Protein backbone atom coordinates (compact mmCIF):
# COMPACT_ATOMS: atom_id res chain seq x y z
CA MET A 1 -11.94 -5.68 -22.25
CA LYS A 2 -10.52 -7.89 -25.03
CA ILE A 3 -8.93 -11.18 -23.81
CA GLU A 4 -6.33 -12.78 -26.02
CA GLU A 5 -6.11 -16.53 -26.15
CA LEU A 6 -2.55 -17.89 -25.91
CA LYS A 7 -2.04 -21.23 -27.53
CA THR A 8 1.70 -21.36 -28.46
CA ARG A 9 5.08 -20.16 -27.27
CA ASN A 10 5.04 -17.52 -30.07
CA ASP A 11 1.65 -16.20 -28.72
CA TRP A 12 3.23 -16.00 -25.25
CA GLU A 13 6.30 -14.13 -26.50
CA GLU A 14 4.15 -11.79 -28.42
CA PHE A 15 1.97 -11.12 -25.41
CA LYS A 16 5.02 -10.50 -23.13
CA SER A 17 6.29 -7.89 -25.57
CA LYS A 18 3.05 -5.89 -24.89
CA ALA A 19 4.36 -5.12 -21.39
CA SER A 20 5.61 -1.61 -21.21
CA GLU A 21 6.19 1.28 -18.84
CA GLU A 22 2.41 1.71 -18.76
CA SER A 23 1.11 -1.87 -19.41
CA GLU A 24 0.61 -4.71 -16.96
CA LEU A 25 -0.26 -8.13 -18.10
CA ILE A 26 -2.73 -10.77 -16.75
CA ILE A 27 -2.66 -14.42 -17.61
CA PHE A 28 -5.75 -16.39 -16.66
CA LYS A 29 -5.28 -20.15 -16.93
CA PHE A 30 -8.32 -22.47 -16.84
CA SER A 31 -9.52 -25.88 -17.54
CA PRO A 32 -12.78 -26.35 -19.57
CA VAL A 33 -13.40 -29.72 -17.83
CA CYS A 34 -13.16 -28.57 -14.28
CA GLY A 35 -16.22 -27.23 -12.53
CA VAL A 36 -14.31 -24.92 -10.21
CA SER A 37 -12.38 -23.61 -13.15
CA LEU A 38 -15.58 -22.90 -15.16
CA TYR A 39 -17.12 -21.09 -12.17
CA ILE A 40 -13.94 -18.91 -11.71
CA ASP A 41 -13.89 -18.34 -15.44
CA THR A 42 -17.37 -16.72 -15.25
CA ILE A 43 -16.23 -14.43 -12.37
CA PHE A 44 -13.01 -13.56 -14.28
CA GLN A 45 -14.91 -12.90 -17.55
CA LYS A 46 -17.49 -10.77 -15.83
CA TRP A 47 -14.75 -8.68 -14.21
CA ALA A 48 -12.91 -8.29 -17.46
CA ASP A 49 -16.01 -7.37 -19.42
CA GLY A 50 -16.50 -4.50 -16.92
CA LEU A 51 -13.09 -3.00 -17.72
CA GLU A 52 -12.59 -0.39 -20.37
CA ASP A 53 -10.16 -1.09 -23.02
CA SER A 54 -6.88 0.65 -22.17
CA ASN A 55 -3.16 0.51 -22.73
CA ARG A 56 -2.68 0.04 -18.91
CA LEU A 57 -3.63 -3.57 -18.92
CA LYS A 58 -3.57 -6.52 -21.36
CA ILE A 59 -5.32 -9.78 -20.56
CA SER A 60 -4.70 -13.25 -21.88
CA LYS A 61 -6.26 -16.70 -21.36
CA VAL A 62 -4.67 -20.08 -21.52
CA ASN A 63 -6.54 -23.39 -21.78
CA VAL A 64 -4.48 -25.76 -19.65
CA ILE A 65 -5.85 -28.74 -21.60
CA THR A 66 -5.14 -27.71 -25.19
CA ALA A 67 -2.12 -25.62 -24.31
CA LYS A 68 -0.71 -27.80 -21.42
CA LYS A 69 2.97 -27.28 -22.43
CA LEU A 70 2.64 -23.60 -22.71
CA SER A 71 0.77 -23.37 -19.45
CA ARG A 72 3.61 -25.23 -17.65
CA GLN A 73 6.23 -23.11 -19.44
CA ILE A 74 4.57 -19.89 -18.22
CA ALA A 75 4.51 -21.23 -14.66
CA ALA A 76 8.17 -22.24 -14.73
CA GLU A 77 9.36 -18.99 -16.46
CA LEU A 78 7.47 -16.85 -13.92
CA ASN A 79 8.50 -19.13 -11.05
CA VAL A 80 4.91 -19.77 -9.85
CA ILE A 81 3.26 -23.02 -9.10
CA HIS A 82 1.19 -24.36 -12.02
CA GLU A 83 -2.50 -24.31 -11.03
CA SER A 84 -5.87 -24.08 -12.72
CA PRO A 85 -7.84 -21.94 -12.42
CA GLN A 86 -5.14 -19.30 -11.84
CA VAL A 87 -4.52 -15.61 -12.35
CA ILE A 88 -0.97 -14.43 -12.81
CA TRP A 89 -0.75 -10.65 -12.82
CA LEU A 90 2.52 -9.16 -14.11
CA LYS A 91 4.01 -5.77 -13.44
CA THR A 92 5.25 -3.64 -16.39
CA ASN A 93 8.74 -5.24 -15.90
CA LEU A 94 7.23 -8.78 -16.12
CA SER A 95 7.73 -9.60 -12.51
CA VAL A 96 4.80 -11.24 -10.70
CA LYS A 97 2.60 -8.66 -8.95
CA TRP A 98 -0.07 -11.14 -7.83
CA ASP A 99 -0.76 -14.81 -8.27
CA ALA A 100 -3.93 -16.54 -7.10
CA SER A 101 -5.75 -19.76 -7.74
CA HIS A 102 -9.14 -21.32 -7.22
CA TYR A 103 -11.30 -19.48 -4.84
CA GLU A 104 -8.68 -16.91 -4.05
CA ILE A 105 -9.64 -15.31 -7.40
CA LYS A 106 -12.21 -12.69 -6.51
CA GLU A 107 -13.36 -9.52 -8.02
CA ALA A 108 -12.39 -7.53 -5.06
CA GLU A 109 -8.84 -8.88 -5.09
CA MET A 110 -8.59 -8.10 -8.83
CA ASP A 111 -9.99 -4.58 -8.28
CA ASN A 112 -7.41 -4.09 -5.49
CA ASN A 113 -4.56 -5.06 -7.85
CA LEU A 114 -6.02 -2.86 -10.51
CA THR A 115 -5.75 0.23 -8.35
CA ASN A 116 -2.55 -0.83 -6.64
CA SER A 117 0.44 0.16 -8.92
CA ASN A 118 3.10 -1.49 -6.80
């Protein structure tokens, strides 16, 4: 599945506009200089690559080093603690469905959220 890289506030606003009655959004925040983050990035990327492109889910990625201000803005706007690596899964109404960081990010948990529409 295609992953969009978010770098600016405009990127974030455009990405949020893709939420709809049918589309949930995922934001994956990572640091390219952190070993744990790089490890989780491979798990996340493998999981995303196994998904078929659909209108049901849109995925984005935020580099917390090069887009630090944006990363913190997203955390504040969604009322979650800023962490890296981190997955923030948004429902169709842009409320947080699931938020996990570090070793809590597992394929099984992401699959569970994929099949759970609540």
